[in-house]
């Protein structure tokens, strides 16, 4: 499944670049409007170095993605996304292949890294509000013996539902938190990005 890790990262990168303006537009409602731009620059750097990335082990691959991302993106986005890839890579350690059993621990480790780095948790109106429930749905579907494709479908549906559910929430982290009550009634850009990325991976996986 090592090629699958590359496939997922490539799909996420392409999707982030394709949605750069949309993500920044969402972020511009109450944030500083640079979310889409920031992650697009990170993934642009990853794709630019794609052929040179160390593929000796899947964990090394993810660690290199992390360092490339951080080198290209300053501020919170660089740290948070970079930490997520780094933690996922560290979870794999020196494993030569990735199995289905590795998927959830990788996600859980990435989530813990995001929580720590962003000093955030569920309910703070961040990407975690879509990511955590989507991973919960993925874990449940895999535990029930569903195929990877079916599990991704279910995760994508939950990610979209939970992203929509950020609208009535009050932002407690990031630039949006400074707007206070004005953040209520807006969608969180990070949560929507999670939904879009899960949907893209789910669709690409089928194809």
N, C-alpha and C. Protein backbone atom coordinates (compact mmCIF):
# COMPACT_ATOMS: atom_id res chain seq x y z
N UNK A 1 0.81 -1.23 0.00
CA UNK A 1 0.00 0.00 0.00
C UNK A 1 0.84 1.28 0.00
N UNK A 2 2.16 1.14 -0.15
CA UNK A 2 3.03 2.32 -0.14
C UNK A 2 2.67 3.28 -1.28
N UNK A 3 2.37 2.70 -2.44
CA UNK A 3 1.96 3.53 -3.58
C UNK A 3 0.65 4.26 -3.27
N UNK A 4 -0.18 3.63 -2.43
CA UNK A 4 -1.44 4.27 -2.04
C UNK A 4 -1.20 5.56 -1.27
N UNK A 5 -0.16 5.57 -0.43
CA UNK A 5 0.17 6.79 0.33
C UNK A 5 0.53 7.90 -0.64
N UNK A 6 1.34 7.58 -1.64
CA UNK A 6 1.73 8.57 -2.65
C UNK A 6 0.49 9.04 -3.42
N UNK A 7 -0.37 8.10 -3.76
CA UNK A 7 -1.59 8.42 -4.51
C UNK A 7 -2.46 9.42 -3.74
N UNK A 8 -2.63 9.17 -2.43
CA UNK A 8 -3.47 10.04 -1.60
C UNK A 8 -2.85 11.43 -1.49
N UNK A 9 -1.54 11.50 -1.25
CA UNK A 9 -0.87 12.81 -1.13
C UNK A 9 -0.97 13.58 -2.44
N UNK A 10 -0.77 12.88 -3.56
CA UNK A 10 -0.85 13.52 -4.88
C UNK A 10 -2.27 14.04 -5.13
N UNK A 11 -3.28 13.26 -4.76
CA UNK A 11 -4.67 13.69 -4.94
C UNK A 11 -4.98 14.92 -4.08
N UNK A 12 -4.53 14.88 -2.84
CA UNK A 12 -4.74 16.02 -1.92
C UNK A 12 -4.06 17.27 -2.47
N UNK A 13 -2.82 17.11 -2.94
CA UNK A 13 -2.06 18.25 -3.46
C UNK A 13 -2.75 18.87 -4.68
N UNK A 14 -3.14 18.02 -5.63
CA UNK A 14 -3.83 18.52 -6.84
C UNK A 14 -5.13 19.22 -6.47
N UNK A 15 -5.86 18.66 -5.52
CA UNK A 15 -7.15 19.22 -5.10
C UNK A 15 -6.96 20.56 -4.39
N UNK A 16 -5.94 20.66 -3.56
CA UNK A 16 -5.67 21.91 -2.84
C UNK A 16 -5.33 23.02 -3.83
N UNK A 17 -4.56 22.68 -4.86
CA UNK A 17 -4.20 23.69 -5.88
C UNK A 17 -5.43 24.11 -6.70
N UNK A 18 -6.26 23.13 -7.04
CA UNK A 18 -7.47 23.42 -7.83
C UNK A 18 -8.46 24.28 -7.06
N UNK A 19 -8.44 24.19 -5.72
CA UNK A 19 -9.41 24.92 -4.90
C UNK A 19 -8.81 26.11 -4.15
N UNK A 20 -7.62 26.52 -4.58
CA UNK A 20 -6.92 27.62 -3.88
C UNK A 20 -7.81 28.85 -3.70
N UNK A 21 -8.43 29.33 -4.79
CA UNK A 21 -9.24 30.55 -4.72
C UNK A 21 -10.48 30.33 -3.84
N UNK A 22 -11.12 29.17 -3.99
CA UNK A 22 -12.32 28.86 -3.21
C UNK A 22 -12.02 28.83 -1.71
N UNK A 23 -10.95 28.15 -1.33
CA UNK A 23 -10.59 28.06 0.10
C UNK A 23 -10.23 29.43 0.67
N UNK A 24 -9.53 30.25 -0.12
CA UNK A 24 -9.15 31.58 0.35
C UNK A 24 -10.38 32.49 0.47
N UNK A 25 -11.30 32.32 -0.46
CA UNK A 25 -12.56 33.10 -0.43
C UNK A 25 -13.34 32.77 0.85
N UNK A 26 -13.45 31.50 1.18
CA UNK A 26 -14.13 31.08 2.41
C UNK A 26 -13.44 31.68 3.63
N UNK A 27 -12.10 31.62 3.62
CA UNK A 27 -11.31 32.11 4.74
C UNK A 27 -11.40 33.63 4.86
N UNK A 28 -11.63 34.30 3.72
CA UNK A 28 -11.67 35.76 3.72
C UNK A 28 -12.91 36.35 4.37
N UNK A 29 -13.93 35.53 4.60
CA UNK A 29 -15.18 36.03 5.20
C UNK A 29 -14.91 36.55 6.61
N UNK A 30 -14.20 35.75 7.41
CA UNK A 30 -13.86 36.22 8.76
C UNK A 30 -12.38 36.02 9.12
N UNK A 31 -11.66 35.26 8.28
CA UNK A 31 -10.23 35.03 8.54
C UNK A 31 -9.41 36.05 7.79
N UNK A 32 -8.12 35.72 7.54
CA UNK A 32 -7.29 36.68 6.81
C UNK A 32 -7.22 36.35 5.32
N UNK A 33 -8.00 35.37 4.89
CA UNK A 33 -8.13 35.10 3.46
C UNK A 33 -6.94 34.45 2.79
N UNK A 34 -6.00 33.92 3.59
CA UNK A 34 -4.81 33.34 2.96
C UNK A 34 -4.73 31.82 3.09
N UNK A 35 -5.76 31.21 3.65
CA UNK A 35 -5.72 29.75 3.88
C UNK A 35 -5.49 28.97 2.59
N UNK A 36 -6.28 29.25 1.57
CA UNK A 36 -6.14 28.54 0.29
C UNK A 36 -4.78 28.78 -0.33
N UNK A 37 -4.33 30.04 -0.28
CA UNK A 37 -3.02 30.41 -0.83
C UNK A 37 -1.90 29.66 -0.10
N UNK A 38 -1.99 29.65 1.22
CA UNK A 38 -0.93 29.00 2.03
C UNK A 38 -0.79 27.53 1.72
N UNK A 39 -1.90 26.79 1.80
CA UNK A 39 -1.75 25.34 1.58
C UNK A 39 -1.42 25.02 0.12
N UNK A 40 -1.88 25.88 -0.80
CA UNK A 40 -1.54 25.66 -2.21
C UNK A 40 -0.03 25.81 -2.42
N UNK A 41 0.59 26.80 -1.74
CA UNK A 41 2.05 26.97 -1.87
C UNK A 41 2.79 25.76 -1.30
N UNK A 42 2.27 25.21 -0.20
CA UNK A 42 2.89 24.03 0.40
C UNK A 42 2.85 22.85 -0.53
N UNK A 43 1.66 22.59 -1.09
CA UNK A 43 1.51 21.43 -1.98
C UNK A 43 2.19 21.65 -3.33
N UNK A 44 2.29 22.92 -3.75
CA UNK A 44 3.00 23.25 -4.99
C UNK A 44 4.48 22.85 -4.84
N UNK A 45 5.02 23.14 -3.66
CA UNK A 45 6.42 22.79 -3.38
C UNK A 45 6.59 21.27 -3.38
N UNK A 46 5.64 20.58 -2.75
CA UNK A 46 5.69 19.10 -2.71
C UNK A 46 5.66 18.54 -4.13
N UNK A 47 4.75 19.05 -4.97
CA UNK A 47 4.63 18.54 -6.35
C UNK A 47 5.86 18.91 -7.17
N UNK A 48 6.42 20.09 -6.90
CA UNK A 48 7.63 20.52 -7.61
C UNK A 48 8.82 19.62 -7.34
N UNK A 49 8.86 19.05 -6.13
CA UNK A 49 9.97 18.17 -5.73
C UNK A 49 9.59 16.68 -5.81
N UNK A 50 8.42 16.42 -6.37
CA UNK A 50 7.82 15.08 -6.33
C UNK A 50 8.80 13.95 -6.70
N UNK A 51 9.52 14.13 -7.81
CA UNK A 51 10.40 13.05 -8.28
C UNK A 51 11.65 12.88 -7.42
N UNK A 52 11.95 13.87 -6.58
CA UNK A 52 13.16 13.80 -5.75
C UNK A 52 12.89 13.34 -4.32
N UNK A 53 11.61 13.13 -3.98
CA UNK A 53 11.28 12.78 -2.60
C UNK A 53 11.73 11.35 -2.28
N UNK A 54 12.32 11.18 -1.12
CA UNK A 54 12.79 9.87 -0.64
C UNK A 54 11.61 8.91 -0.52
N UNK A 55 11.67 7.83 -1.31
CA UNK A 55 10.58 6.85 -1.28
C UNK A 55 11.05 5.51 -0.70
N UNK A 56 12.21 5.51 -0.03
CA UNK A 56 12.75 4.25 0.49
C UNK A 56 11.77 3.58 1.45
N UNK A 57 11.08 4.39 2.25
CA UNK A 57 10.05 3.90 3.17
C UNK A 57 8.88 4.88 3.15
N UNK A 58 7.64 4.38 3.31
CA UNK A 58 6.49 5.29 3.30
C UNK A 58 6.58 6.36 4.40
N UNK A 59 7.14 5.99 5.55
CA UNK A 59 7.29 6.96 6.64
C UNK A 59 8.23 8.08 6.25
N UNK A 60 9.33 7.73 5.57
CA UNK A 60 10.29 8.74 5.11
C UNK A 60 9.65 9.67 4.09
N UNK A 61 8.82 9.08 3.23
CA UNK A 61 8.11 9.86 2.21
C UNK A 61 7.26 10.95 2.88
N UNK A 62 6.49 10.56 3.89
CA UNK A 62 5.62 11.52 4.59
C UNK A 62 6.42 12.57 5.36
N UNK A 63 7.54 12.16 5.93
CA UNK A 63 8.38 13.12 6.65
C UNK A 63 8.95 14.17 5.69
N UNK A 64 9.33 13.72 4.50
CA UNK A 64 9.87 14.66 3.51
C UNK A 64 8.77 15.61 3.02
N UNK A 65 7.56 15.08 2.84
CA UNK A 65 6.42 15.93 2.46
C UNK A 65 6.23 17.01 3.53
N UNK A 66 6.35 16.60 4.79
CA UNK A 66 6.22 17.53 5.91
C UNK A 66 7.26 18.64 5.82
N UNK A 67 8.53 18.26 5.63
CA UNK A 67 9.58 19.29 5.63
C UNK A 67 9.47 20.22 4.42
N UNK A 68 9.05 19.70 3.28
CA UNK A 68 8.85 20.54 2.09
C UNK A 68 7.72 21.53 2.34
N UNK A 69 6.64 21.02 2.93
CA UNK A 69 5.47 21.86 3.21
C UNK A 69 5.84 23.01 4.14
N UNK A 70 6.53 22.67 5.23
CA UNK A 70 6.92 23.69 6.22
C UNK A 70 7.88 24.71 5.61
N UNK A 71 8.77 24.23 4.74
CA UNK A 71 9.74 25.16 4.13
C UNK A 71 9.06 26.18 3.21
N UNK A 72 7.90 25.81 2.67
CA UNK A 72 7.21 26.68 1.72
C UNK A 72 6.14 27.56 2.37
N UNK A 73 5.66 27.16 3.54
CA UNK A 73 4.52 27.86 4.15
C UNK A 73 4.87 28.35 5.56
N UNK A 74 4.77 29.64 5.74
CA UNK A 74 4.98 30.19 7.08
C UNK A 74 3.69 30.12 7.88
N UNK A 75 3.75 30.57 9.11
CA UNK A 75 2.53 30.72 9.91
C UNK A 75 1.88 29.41 10.32
N UNK A 76 0.64 29.54 10.76
CA UNK A 76 -0.09 28.42 11.35
C UNK A 76 -0.30 27.27 10.37
N UNK A 77 -0.65 27.57 9.13
CA UNK A 77 -0.94 26.51 8.16
C UNK A 77 0.27 25.59 7.95
N UNK A 78 1.45 26.19 7.80
CA UNK A 78 2.66 25.40 7.59
C UNK A 78 2.91 24.47 8.76
N UNK A 79 2.79 25.03 9.97
CA UNK A 79 3.05 24.24 11.18
C UNK A 79 2.04 23.11 11.33
N UNK A 80 0.77 23.43 11.16
CA UNK A 80 -0.30 22.45 11.40
C UNK A 80 -0.27 21.31 10.37
N UNK A 81 -0.22 21.65 9.10
CA UNK A 81 -0.20 20.62 8.05
C UNK A 81 1.12 19.86 8.08
N UNK A 82 2.21 20.59 8.29
CA UNK A 82 3.52 19.95 8.38
C UNK A 82 3.58 18.95 9.52
N UNK A 83 3.02 19.35 10.67
CA UNK A 83 2.98 18.46 11.84
C UNK A 83 2.14 17.22 11.55
N UNK A 84 1.03 17.39 10.86
CA UNK A 84 0.15 16.26 10.54
C UNK A 84 0.90 15.22 9.71
N UNK A 85 1.61 15.67 8.67
CA UNK A 85 2.36 14.72 7.82
C UNK A 85 3.53 14.10 8.58
N UNK A 86 4.18 14.91 9.40
CA UNK A 86 5.31 14.40 10.18
C UNK A 86 4.86 13.31 11.15
N UNK A 87 3.77 13.58 11.88
CA UNK A 87 3.25 12.61 12.85
C UNK A 87 2.82 11.31 12.16
N UNK A 88 2.18 11.45 11.01
CA UNK A 88 1.76 10.26 10.25
C UNK A 88 2.98 9.44 9.84
N UNK A 89 4.01 10.14 9.39
CA UNK A 89 5.25 9.47 8.98
C UNK A 89 5.94 8.79 10.15
N UNK A 90 5.95 9.46 11.31
CA UNK A 90 6.58 8.90 12.50
C UNK A 90 5.84 7.65 12.97
N UNK A 91 4.53 7.65 12.81
CA UNK A 91 3.71 6.49 13.21
C UNK A 91 4.09 5.26 12.41
N UNK A 92 4.42 5.47 11.15
CA UNK A 92 4.81 4.33 10.29
C UNK A 92 6.21 3.82 10.63
N UNK A 93 7.03 4.71 11.18
CA UNK A 93 8.39 4.30 11.55
C UNK A 93 9.15 3.72 10.36
N UNK A 94 9.73 2.54 10.55
CA UNK A 94 10.53 1.91 9.50
C UNK A 94 9.78 0.83 8.72
N UNK A 95 8.46 0.88 8.80
CA UNK A 95 7.67 -0.13 8.05
C UNK A 95 7.91 0.03 6.56
N UNK A 96 8.06 -1.10 5.90
CA UNK A 96 8.31 -1.05 4.46
C UNK A 96 7.02 -0.98 3.66
N UNK A 97 5.94 -1.46 4.26
CA UNK A 97 4.64 -1.38 3.59
C UNK A 97 3.59 -0.85 4.57
N UNK A 98 2.58 -0.22 4.02
CA UNK A 98 1.48 0.30 4.82
C UNK A 98 0.30 -0.65 4.68
N UNK A 99 -0.24 -1.09 5.79
CA UNK A 99 -1.41 -1.97 5.74
C UNK A 99 -2.65 -1.18 6.17
N UNK A 100 -3.80 -1.79 5.98
CA UNK A 100 -5.04 -1.11 6.37
C UNK A 100 -5.05 -0.80 7.88
N UNK A 101 -4.36 -1.65 8.65
CA UNK A 101 -4.32 -1.47 10.11
C UNK A 101 -3.53 -0.20 10.50
N UNK A 102 -2.70 0.29 9.58
CA UNK A 102 -1.89 1.49 9.87
C UNK A 102 -2.65 2.79 9.66
N UNK A 103 -3.72 2.74 8.87
CA UNK A 103 -4.40 3.96 8.44
C UNK A 103 -4.93 4.80 9.61
N UNK A 104 -5.71 4.16 10.49
CA UNK A 104 -6.32 4.92 11.59
C UNK A 104 -5.26 5.45 12.57
N UNK A 105 -4.27 4.63 13.00
CA UNK A 105 -3.23 5.18 13.87
C UNK A 105 -2.50 6.38 13.25
N UNK A 106 -2.29 6.35 11.92
CA UNK A 106 -1.66 7.49 11.25
C UNK A 106 -2.53 8.74 11.39
N UNK A 107 -3.81 8.58 11.13
CA UNK A 107 -4.74 9.71 11.26
C UNK A 107 -4.80 10.22 12.70
N UNK A 108 -4.91 9.29 13.64
CA UNK A 108 -5.03 9.67 15.06
C UNK A 108 -3.80 10.46 15.51
N UNK A 109 -2.64 9.99 15.09
CA UNK A 109 -1.39 10.66 15.45
C UNK A 109 -1.34 12.06 14.84
N UNK A 110 -1.75 12.17 13.58
CA UNK A 110 -1.79 13.48 12.90
C UNK A 110 -2.74 14.43 13.63
N UNK A 111 -3.91 13.90 14.03
CA UNK A 111 -4.91 14.71 14.75
C UNK A 111 -4.35 15.23 16.07
N UNK A 112 -3.67 14.34 16.81
CA UNK A 112 -3.07 14.76 18.09
C UNK A 112 -2.05 15.88 17.86
N UNK A 113 -1.27 15.74 16.79
CA UNK A 113 -0.29 16.76 16.44
C UNK A 113 -0.95 18.09 16.12
N UNK A 114 -2.05 18.05 15.37
CA UNK A 114 -2.79 19.26 15.01
C UNK A 114 -3.36 19.93 16.26
N UNK A 115 -3.94 19.12 17.14
CA UNK A 115 -4.52 19.66 18.38
C UNK A 115 -3.47 20.38 19.21
N UNK A 116 -2.31 19.75 19.33
CA UNK A 116 -1.22 20.30 20.13
C UNK A 116 -0.66 21.58 19.51
N UNK A 117 -0.36 21.49 18.22
CA UNK A 117 0.22 22.64 17.52
C UNK A 117 -0.73 23.83 17.43
N UNK A 118 -2.00 23.51 17.17
CA UNK A 118 -2.98 24.59 17.02
C UNK A 118 -3.64 24.98 18.32
N UNK A 119 -3.28 24.28 19.40
CA UNK A 119 -3.90 24.50 20.70
C UNK A 119 -5.42 24.52 20.53
N UNK A 120 -5.93 23.53 19.81
CA UNK A 120 -7.35 23.51 19.47
C UNK A 120 -7.94 22.13 19.67
N UNK A 121 -9.26 22.08 19.70
CA UNK A 121 -9.95 20.81 19.87
C UNK A 121 -11.29 20.87 19.13
N UNK A 122 -12.02 19.78 19.20
CA UNK A 122 -13.36 19.75 18.60
C UNK A 122 -14.20 20.87 19.19
N UNK A 123 -15.00 21.51 18.35
CA UNK A 123 -15.88 22.57 18.83
C UNK A 123 -15.28 23.96 18.75
N UNK A 124 -14.00 24.05 18.32
CA UNK A 124 -13.35 25.36 18.22
C UNK A 124 -13.54 25.99 16.84
N UNK A 125 -14.29 25.32 15.97
CA UNK A 125 -14.54 25.78 14.60
C UNK A 125 -13.24 25.82 13.80
N UNK A 126 -12.63 24.64 13.68
CA UNK A 126 -11.42 24.48 12.88
C UNK A 126 -11.57 23.24 12.01
N UNK A 127 -10.54 22.93 11.25
CA UNK A 127 -10.58 21.73 10.39
C UNK A 127 -10.81 20.45 11.19
N UNK A 128 -10.47 20.48 12.49
CA UNK A 128 -10.69 19.30 13.34
C UNK A 128 -12.16 18.90 13.40
N UNK A 129 -13.05 19.89 13.27
CA UNK A 129 -14.49 19.61 13.38
C UNK A 129 -15.01 18.76 12.22
N UNK A 130 -14.28 18.72 11.13
CA UNK A 130 -14.64 17.82 10.02
C UNK A 130 -13.72 16.61 10.00
N UNK A 131 -12.44 16.83 10.31
CA UNK A 131 -11.46 15.74 10.23
C UNK A 131 -11.71 14.63 11.25
N UNK A 132 -11.93 14.99 12.50
CA UNK A 132 -12.09 13.96 13.55
C UNK A 132 -13.32 13.08 13.30
N UNK A 133 -14.50 13.66 13.05
CA UNK A 133 -15.66 12.80 12.77
C UNK A 133 -15.48 11.95 11.50
N UNK A 134 -14.78 12.49 10.51
CA UNK A 134 -14.54 11.72 9.27
C UNK A 134 -13.66 10.51 9.56
N UNK A 135 -12.64 10.70 10.40
CA UNK A 135 -11.76 9.58 10.76
C UNK A 135 -12.51 8.56 11.62
N UNK A 136 -13.38 9.05 12.49
CA UNK A 136 -14.23 8.15 13.29
C UNK A 136 -15.09 7.27 12.37
N UNK A 137 -15.66 7.91 11.33
CA UNK A 137 -16.52 7.19 10.38
C UNK A 137 -15.69 6.17 9.58
N UNK A 138 -14.48 6.58 9.21
CA UNK A 138 -13.58 5.69 8.46
C UNK A 138 -13.23 4.46 9.30
N UNK A 139 -12.90 4.72 10.57
CA UNK A 139 -12.54 3.62 11.48
C UNK A 139 -13.71 2.65 11.67
N UNK A 140 -14.91 3.19 11.85
CA UNK A 140 -16.10 2.38 12.06
C UNK A 140 -16.38 1.51 10.83
N UNK A 141 -16.31 2.13 9.65
CA UNK A 141 -16.59 1.40 8.40
C UNK A 141 -15.58 0.28 8.17
N UNK A 142 -14.29 0.57 8.44
CA UNK A 142 -13.26 -0.46 8.25
C UNK A 142 -13.44 -1.59 9.26
N UNK A 143 -13.81 -1.23 10.48
CA UNK A 143 -14.04 -2.24 11.53
C UNK A 143 -15.22 -3.15 11.18
N UNK A 144 -16.17 -2.59 10.42
CA UNK A 144 -17.34 -3.38 10.00
C UNK A 144 -17.03 -4.23 8.77
N UNK A 145 -15.78 -4.16 8.32
CA UNK A 145 -15.38 -4.99 7.18
C UNK A 145 -15.70 -4.41 5.82
N UNK A 146 -16.01 -3.11 5.78
CA UNK A 146 -16.31 -2.49 4.48
C UNK A 146 -15.02 -2.27 3.70
N UNK A 147 -15.14 -2.17 2.39
CA UNK A 147 -13.96 -1.96 1.55
C UNK A 147 -13.41 -0.56 1.77
N UNK A 148 -12.16 -0.35 1.35
CA UNK A 148 -11.55 0.98 1.46
C UNK A 148 -12.37 2.04 0.77
N UNK A 149 -12.90 1.68 -0.39
CA UNK A 149 -13.71 2.62 -1.18
C UNK A 149 -14.99 3.01 -0.44
N UNK A 150 -15.68 2.00 0.13
CA UNK A 150 -16.93 2.27 0.88
C UNK A 150 -16.62 3.10 2.14
N UNK A 151 -15.52 2.76 2.81
CA UNK A 151 -15.15 3.47 4.03
C UNK A 151 -14.84 4.94 3.73
N UNK A 152 -14.12 5.17 2.62
CA UNK A 152 -13.80 6.55 2.23
C UNK A 152 -15.07 7.34 1.88
N UNK A 153 -16.00 6.66 1.23
CA UNK A 153 -17.29 7.28 0.90
C UNK A 153 -17.98 7.78 2.16
N UNK A 154 -18.04 6.91 3.16
CA UNK A 154 -18.72 7.26 4.42
C UNK A 154 -18.00 8.40 5.13
N UNK A 155 -16.66 8.35 5.10
CA UNK A 155 -15.88 9.42 5.73
C UNK A 155 -16.13 10.76 5.04
N UNK A 156 -16.20 10.72 3.71
CA UNK A 156 -16.43 11.95 2.93
C UNK A 156 -17.81 12.56 3.24
N UNK A 157 -18.81 11.70 3.37
CA UNK A 157 -20.17 12.17 3.68
C UNK A 157 -20.18 12.86 5.05
N UNK A 158 -19.54 12.23 6.02
CA UNK A 158 -19.50 12.79 7.38
C UNK A 158 -18.69 14.09 7.40
N UNK A 159 -17.57 14.12 6.67
CA UNK A 159 -16.74 15.34 6.62
C UNK A 159 -17.57 16.51 6.08
N UNK A 160 -18.35 16.25 5.05
CA UNK A 160 -19.19 17.32 4.47
C UNK A 160 -20.27 17.77 5.46
N UNK A 161 -20.92 16.82 6.11
CA UNK A 161 -21.97 17.16 7.10
C UNK A 161 -21.38 17.99 8.23
N UNK A 162 -20.22 17.58 8.74
CA UNK A 162 -19.62 18.27 9.89
C UNK A 162 -19.05 19.63 9.47
N UNK A 163 -18.60 19.75 8.23
CA UNK A 163 -18.13 21.06 7.73
C UNK A 163 -19.30 22.04 7.70
N UNK A 164 -20.46 21.56 7.20
CA UNK A 164 -21.66 22.41 7.17
C UNK A 164 -22.09 22.79 8.58
N UNK A 165 -21.84 21.89 9.52
CA UNK A 165 -22.25 22.13 10.92
C UNK A 165 -21.37 23.16 11.63
N UNK A 166 -20.30 23.63 10.96
CA UNK A 166 -19.48 24.69 11.60
C UNK A 166 -20.14 26.06 11.46
N UNK A 167 -21.16 26.15 10.60
CA UNK A 167 -21.79 27.47 10.35
C UNK A 167 -22.29 28.17 11.62
N UNK A 168 -23.07 27.48 12.49
CA UNK A 168 -23.57 28.19 13.68
C UNK A 168 -22.55 28.32 14.81
N UNK A 169 -21.34 27.78 14.62
CA UNK A 169 -20.37 27.78 15.70
C UNK A 169 -19.63 29.11 15.84
N UNK A 170 -19.13 29.35 17.04
CA UNK A 170 -18.31 30.53 17.32
C UNK A 170 -16.85 30.11 17.18
N UNK A 171 -16.09 30.86 16.37
CA UNK A 171 -14.67 30.52 16.18
C UNK A 171 -13.87 30.84 17.44
N UNK A 172 -13.06 29.89 17.85
CA UNK A 172 -12.25 30.09 19.06
C UNK A 172 -10.76 30.07 18.78
N UNK A 173 -10.38 29.79 17.54
CA UNK A 173 -8.96 29.72 17.19
C UNK A 173 -8.71 30.45 15.88
N UNK A 174 -7.47 30.86 15.68
CA UNK A 174 -7.09 31.50 14.42
C UNK A 174 -7.62 32.92 14.31
N UNK A 175 -7.40 33.50 13.13
CA UNK A 175 -7.80 34.89 12.89
C UNK A 175 -9.31 35.09 13.05
N UNK A 176 -10.08 34.06 12.68
CA UNK A 176 -11.55 34.16 12.78
C UNK A 176 -12.01 34.41 14.21
N UNK A 177 -11.22 33.93 15.19
CA UNK A 177 -11.60 34.09 16.60
C UNK A 177 -11.64 35.56 17.00
N UNK A 178 -10.82 36.38 16.31
CA UNK A 178 -10.80 37.82 16.64
C UNK A 178 -12.09 38.52 16.26
N UNK A 179 -12.85 37.91 15.36
CA UNK A 179 -14.09 38.57 14.90
C UNK A 179 -15.26 38.28 15.85
N UNK A 180 -15.03 37.39 16.81
CA UNK A 180 -16.06 37.10 17.82
C UNK A 180 -17.36 36.62 17.20
N UNK A 181 -18.44 37.27 17.60
CA UNK A 181 -19.79 36.86 17.16
C UNK A 181 -19.95 36.86 15.63
N UNK A 182 -19.14 37.67 14.94
CA UNK A 182 -19.25 37.75 13.48
C UNK A 182 -18.93 36.42 12.81
N UNK A 183 -18.18 35.57 13.52
CA UNK A 183 -17.82 34.27 12.93
C UNK A 183 -19.02 33.32 12.89
N UNK A 184 -20.04 33.61 13.70
CA UNK A 184 -21.25 32.77 13.69
C UNK A 184 -22.00 33.00 12.37
N UNK A 185 -22.40 31.89 11.74
CA UNK A 185 -23.11 32.00 10.46
C UNK A 185 -22.20 31.83 9.26
N UNK A 186 -20.90 31.64 9.53
CA UNK A 186 -19.95 31.41 8.44
C UNK A 186 -19.41 29.98 8.52
N UNK A 187 -19.00 29.46 7.37
CA UNK A 187 -18.41 28.12 7.34
C UNK A 187 -16.91 28.23 7.65
N UNK A 188 -16.37 27.26 8.37
CA UNK A 188 -14.93 27.27 8.60
C UNK A 188 -14.22 26.76 7.36
N UNK A 189 -13.27 27.54 6.86
CA UNK A 189 -12.57 27.20 5.62
C UNK A 189 -11.81 25.88 5.75
N UNK A 190 -11.17 25.65 6.89
CA UNK A 190 -10.41 24.42 7.10
C UNK A 190 -11.29 23.19 7.09
N UNK A 191 -12.46 23.31 7.73
CA UNK A 191 -13.39 22.18 7.78
C UNK A 191 -13.94 21.87 6.38
N UNK A 192 -14.25 22.92 5.63
CA UNK A 192 -14.74 22.72 4.26
C UNK A 192 -13.64 22.09 3.41
N UNK A 193 -12.41 22.54 3.62
CA UNK A 193 -11.28 21.96 2.87
C UNK A 193 -11.17 20.47 3.15
N UNK A 194 -11.35 20.08 4.41
CA UNK A 194 -11.31 18.65 4.76
C UNK A 194 -12.37 17.88 3.99
N UNK A 195 -13.58 18.44 3.92
CA UNK A 195 -14.67 17.78 3.19
C UNK A 195 -14.30 17.62 1.71
N UNK A 196 -13.80 18.70 1.12
CA UNK A 196 -13.43 18.67 -0.30
C UNK A 196 -12.32 17.64 -0.54
N UNK A 197 -11.34 17.58 0.36
CA UNK A 197 -10.22 16.64 0.20
C UNK A 197 -10.66 15.19 0.36
N UNK A 198 -11.51 14.94 1.35
CA UNK A 198 -12.02 13.57 1.53
C UNK A 198 -12.84 13.15 0.31
N UNK A 199 -13.67 14.08 -0.20
CA UNK A 199 -14.49 13.78 -1.38
C UNK A 199 -13.61 13.48 -2.59
N UNK A 200 -12.53 14.25 -2.75
CA UNK A 200 -11.63 14.07 -3.88
C UNK A 200 -10.91 12.72 -3.81
N UNK A 201 -10.44 12.38 -2.61
CA UNK A 201 -9.74 11.09 -2.45
C UNK A 201 -10.70 9.92 -2.67
N UNK A 202 -11.92 10.06 -2.14
CA UNK A 202 -12.93 9.01 -2.30
C UNK A 202 -13.25 8.78 -3.78
N UNK A 203 -13.40 9.88 -4.51
CA UNK A 203 -13.72 9.80 -5.95
C UNK A 203 -12.55 9.19 -6.74
N UNK A 204 -11.35 9.68 -6.44
CA UNK A 204 -10.17 9.21 -7.15
C UNK A 204 -9.89 7.73 -6.87
N UNK A 205 -10.18 7.32 -5.63
CA UNK A 205 -9.96 5.92 -5.23
C UNK A 205 -10.81 4.98 -6.08
N UNK A 206 -12.06 5.39 -6.32
CA UNK A 206 -12.98 4.58 -7.12
C UNK A 206 -12.47 4.45 -8.56
N UNK A 207 -11.96 5.55 -9.07
CA UNK A 207 -11.55 5.59 -10.48
C UNK A 207 -10.27 4.82 -10.70
